[in-house]
Amino acid sequence: MAEYPINKGIGRSVEFKGLKAQYLFIFVGGLLALFVLFVILYMVGTDQWICIGIGVTGASVLVWQTFALNARYGEHGLMKLGAARSHPRYLTNRRRIARLLKRKRKEDKI
């Protein structure tokens, strides 16, 4: 009887065939979307070979792009890229210098 190690990767990110972290979810979500597209096209009455061609082409492009993103950006690189895009490149302060150096007065309360 074969023995399989359980919980070998505690604390490590999920990995399947080299795909790590969010790329695995992109891959699974893309395959699910392609399957739904295939079913919809088939039920509408599109020719069977056209449905198969679209499914195979879409799946191969999805696999190629997902592994390319994984190789290019690494485990957390895609999230870092998204975070860097959401930050401004520089900050602009449009107040005058004299106004910045001036003290604020406390107004008298009635």
Protein backbone atom coordinates (compact mmCIF):
# COMPACT_ATOMS: atom_id res chain seq x y z
CA MET A 1 0.00 0.00 0.00
CA ALA A 2 1.35 3.42 -0.97
CA GLU A 3 1.88 6.08 1.66
CA TYR A 4 1.25 9.71 0.84
CA PRO A 5 2.64 12.58 2.93
CA ILE A 6 -0.09 14.74 4.40
CA ASN A 7 0.31 18.48 5.01
CA LYS A 8 3.80 18.50 3.56
CA GLY A 9 3.60 22.16 2.57
CA ILE A 10 2.22 23.88 5.66
CA GLY A 11 2.70 27.62 5.36
CA ARG A 12 3.68 27.46 1.70
CA SER A 13 1.61 28.79 -1.18
CA VAL A 14 -0.52 26.47 -3.28
CA GLU A 15 1.32 25.09 -6.30
CA PHE A 16 0.18 22.87 -9.18
CA LYS A 17 2.49 21.93 -12.05
CA GLY A 18 4.60 25.03 -11.42
CA LEU A 19 1.68 27.48 -11.22
CA LYS A 20 1.70 29.33 -7.94
CA ALA A 21 -0.76 31.47 -6.00
CA GLN A 22 -3.06 33.69 -8.06
CA TYR A 23 -1.98 32.18 -11.40
CA LEU A 24 -3.59 28.91 -10.38
CA PHE A 25 -6.89 30.69 -9.78
CA ILE A 26 -6.60 32.57 -13.09
CA PHE A 27 -5.97 29.26 -14.84
CA VAL A 28 -8.91 27.46 -13.23
CA GLY A 29 -11.26 30.42 -13.75
CA GLY A 30 -10.23 30.69 -17.39
CA LEU A 31 -10.81 26.99 -18.03
CA LEU A 32 -14.21 27.21 -16.37
CA ALA A 33 -15.14 30.22 -18.50
CA LEU A 34 -14.02 28.38 -21.65
CA PHE A 35 -16.11 25.37 -20.71
CA VAL A 36 -19.20 27.55 -20.17
CA LEU A 37 -18.55 29.27 -23.52
CA PHE A 38 -18.25 25.87 -25.21
CA VAL A 39 -21.54 24.68 -23.70
CA ILE A 40 -23.36 27.89 -24.66
CA LEU A 41 -22.07 27.76 -28.24
CA TYR A 42 -23.03 24.10 -28.55
CA MET A 43 -26.54 24.68 -27.16
CA VAL A 44 -27.11 27.64 -29.50
CA GLY A 45 -26.50 25.34 -32.43
CA THR A 46 -22.99 26.20 -33.55
CA ASP A 47 -21.25 23.43 -35.47
CA GLN A 48 -19.54 20.91 -33.22
CA TRP A 49 -16.12 21.30 -34.85
CA ILE A 50 -16.24 25.08 -34.50
CA CYS A 51 -17.01 24.70 -30.78
CA ILE A 52 -14.13 22.25 -30.37
CA GLY A 53 -11.77 24.54 -32.31
CA ILE A 54 -12.68 27.55 -30.19
CA GLY A 55 -12.30 25.50 -27.01
CA VAL A 56 -8.92 24.03 -27.94
CA THR A 57 -7.56 27.35 -29.21
CA GLY A 58 -8.81 29.24 -26.17
CA ALA A 59 -7.45 26.63 -23.76
CA SER A 60 -4.02 26.59 -25.40
CA VAL A 61 -3.81 30.41 -25.34
CA LEU A 62 -4.92 30.40 -21.70
CA VAL A 63 -2.29 27.82 -20.71
CA TRP A 64 0.43 29.66 -22.64
CA GLN A 65 -0.42 33.08 -21.17
CA THR A 66 -0.82 31.80 -17.61
CA PHE A 67 2.54 30.05 -17.59
CA ALA A 68 4.15 33.09 -19.26
CA LEU A 69 2.77 35.39 -16.52
CA ASN A 70 3.95 32.94 -13.86
CA ALA A 71 7.46 32.85 -15.33
CA ARG A 72 7.66 36.61 -15.84
CA TYR A 73 6.27 37.98 -12.58
CA GLY A 74 6.72 35.14 -10.10
CA GLU A 75 4.57 34.27 -7.13
CA HIS A 76 3.68 37.76 -5.86
CA GLY A 77 4.80 39.88 -8.82
CA LEU A 78 1.39 40.31 -10.42
CA MET A 79 -0.05 41.66 -7.16
CA LYS A 80 2.94 43.99 -6.79
CA LEU A 81 2.42 45.24 -10.34
CA GLY A 82 -1.24 45.97 -9.62
CA ALA A 83 -0.35 47.77 -6.40
CA ALA A 84 2.29 49.88 -8.15
CA ARG A 85 -0.23 50.91 -10.80
CA SER A 86 -2.73 52.08 -8.20
CA HIS A 87 -0.22 54.41 -6.50
CA PRO A 88 0.39 57.90 -7.90
CA ARG A 89 3.77 58.50 -9.52
CA TYR A 90 4.30 61.77 -7.67
CA LEU A 91 2.48 64.09 -5.27
CA THR A 92 1.77 67.73 -6.03
CA ASN A 93 1.35 70.36 -3.36
CA ARG A 94 -0.37 73.43 -4.76
CA ARG A 95 -0.31 75.56 -1.60
CA ARG A 96 1.86 78.63 -1.42
CA ILE A 97 5.00 78.49 0.66
CA ALA A 98 3.94 81.50 2.78
CA ARG A 99 0.65 79.84 3.59
CA LEU A 100 2.43 76.69 4.71
CA LEU A 101 4.69 78.60 7.10
CA LYS A 102 1.89 80.72 8.56
CA ARG A 103 0.48 79.65 11.92
CA LYS A 104 -3.19 78.95 12.23
CA ARG A 105 -5.09 81.14 14.68
CA LYS A 106 -7.49 79.72 17.16
CA GLU A 107 -10.87 81.36 16.74
CA ASP A 108 -12.65 82.70 19.80
CA LYS A 109 -15.50 80.56 20.93
CA ILE A 110 -18.69 82.32 22.00
